[in-house]
Amino acid sequence: MTELQEPERAMAALRKLAQTIKEYNSDTCLDYALVQESRALNDEMEMLAKDALTS
């Protein structure tokens, strides 16, 4: 979704997925960690894009 220029929707989907994994499994499982990693990478990409636009 981020590639389709819908980063807010992508982050909302990742947040919901993380909540679902945590609720039905655990926040210490690999799936949860991978979703959190994706969220962090997406945040970093957004910051880099904003920095590029202001430079």
C-alpha atoms as a PDB file:
ATOM      1  CA  MET A   1       0.000   0.000   0.000  1.00  0.00           C
ATOM      2  CA  THR A   2       2.901   2.325   0.638  1.00  0.00           C
ATOM      3  CA  GLU A   3       4.047   1.797  -2.939  1.00  0.00           C
ATOM      4  CA  LEU A   4       0.553   2.789  -4.075  1.00  0.00           C
ATOM      5  CA  GLN A   5       0.956   6.117  -2.276  1.00  0.00           C
ATOM      6  CA  GLU A   6      -1.272   5.093   0.630  1.00  0.00           C
ATOM      7  CA  PRO A   7       1.175   5.049   3.575  1.00  0.00           C
ATOM      8  CA  GLU A   8      -1.475   5.892   6.182  1.00  0.00           C
ATOM      9  CA  ARG A   9      -3.602   2.959   5.076  1.00  0.00           C
ATOM     10  CA  ALA A  10      -0.551   0.677   5.101  1.00  0.00           C
ATOM     11  CA  MET A  11       0.344   1.705   8.651  1.00  0.00           C
ATOM     12  CA  ALA A  12      -3.237   1.219   9.813  1.00  0.00           C
ATOM     13  CA  ALA A  13      -3.217  -2.285   8.347  1.00  0.00           C
ATOM     14  CA  LEU A  14       0.086  -3.087  10.065  1.00  0.00           C
ATOM     15  CA  ARG A  15      -1.217  -1.761  13.407  1.00  0.00           C
ATOM     16  CA  LYS A  16      -4.346  -3.883  13.106  1.00  0.00           C
ATOM     17  CA  LEU A  17      -2.310  -6.938  12.139  1.00  0.00           C
ATOM     18  CA  ALA A  18       0.020  -6.449  15.106  1.00  0.00           C
ATOM     19  CA  GLN A  19      -2.954  -6.150  17.470  1.00  0.00           C
ATOM     20  CA  THR A  20      -4.523  -9.315  16.050  1.00  0.00           C
ATOM     21  CA  ILE A  21      -1.292 -11.304  16.345  1.00  0.00           C
ATOM     22  CA  LYS A  22      -0.768 -10.078  19.903  1.00  0.00           C
ATOM     23  CA  GLU A  23      -4.364 -10.885  20.869  1.00  0.00           C
ATOM     24  CA  TYR A  24      -4.511 -14.380  19.388  1.00  0.00           C
ATOM     25  CA  ASN A  25      -0.880 -15.421  19.758  1.00  0.00           C
ATOM     26  CA  SER A  26       1.712 -13.403  21.628  1.00  0.00           C
ATOM     27  CA  ASP A  27       3.802 -10.273  21.425  1.00  0.00           C
ATOM     28  CA  THR A  28       6.903 -12.448  21.729  1.00  0.00           C
ATOM     29  CA  CYS A  29       6.363 -14.483  18.550  1.00  0.00           C
ATOM     30  CA  LEU A  30       8.219 -14.058  15.276  1.00  0.00           C
ATOM     31  CA  ASP A  31       5.136 -12.890  13.360  1.00  0.00           C
ATOM     32  CA  TYR A  32       4.629  -9.982  15.771  1.00  0.00           C
ATOM     33  CA  ALA A  33       8.314  -9.050  15.542  1.00  0.00           C
ATOM     34  CA  LEU A  34       8.199  -9.054  11.738  1.00  0.00           C
ATOM     35  CA  VAL A  35       5.172  -6.767  11.691  1.00  0.00           C
ATOM     36  CA  GLN A  36       6.853  -4.383  14.134  1.00  0.00           C
ATOM     37  CA  GLU A  37       9.982  -4.404  11.987  1.00  0.00           C
ATOM     38  CA  SER A  38       7.904  -3.557   8.914  1.00  0.00           C
ATOM     39  CA  ARG A  39       6.301  -0.671  10.774  1.00  0.00           C
ATOM     40  CA  ALA A  40       9.704   0.686  11.812  1.00  0.00           C
ATOM     41  CA  LEU A  41      11.074   0.399   8.279  1.00  0.00           C
ATOM     42  CA  ASN A  42       8.028   2.170   6.891  1.00  0.00           C
ATOM     43  CA  ASP A  43       8.462   4.993   9.415  1.00  0.00           C
ATOM     44  CA  GLU A  44      12.111   5.357   8.467  1.00  0.00           C
ATOM     45  CA  MET A  45      11.317   5.418   4.746  1.00  0.00           C
ATOM     46  CA  GLU A  46       8.743   8.154   5.324  1.00  0.00           C
ATOM     47  CA  MET A  47      11.265  10.246   7.282  1.00  0.00           C
ATOM     48  CA  LEU A  48      13.877   9.837   4.534  1.00  0.00           C
ATOM     49  CA  ALA A  49      11.347  10.850   1.887  1.00  0.00           C
ATOM     50  CA  LYS A  50      10.366  13.958   3.857  1.00  0.00           C
ATOM     51  CA  ASP A  51      14.048  14.863   4.366  1.00  0.00           C
ATOM     52  CA  ALA A  52      14.681  14.468   0.632  1.00  0.00           C
ATOM     53  CA  LEU A  53      11.806  16.820  -0.149  1.00  0.00           C
ATOM     54  CA  THR A  54      13.081  19.506   2.221  1.00  0.00           C
ATOM     55  CA  SER A  55      16.707  19.304   1.064  1.00  0.00           C
END
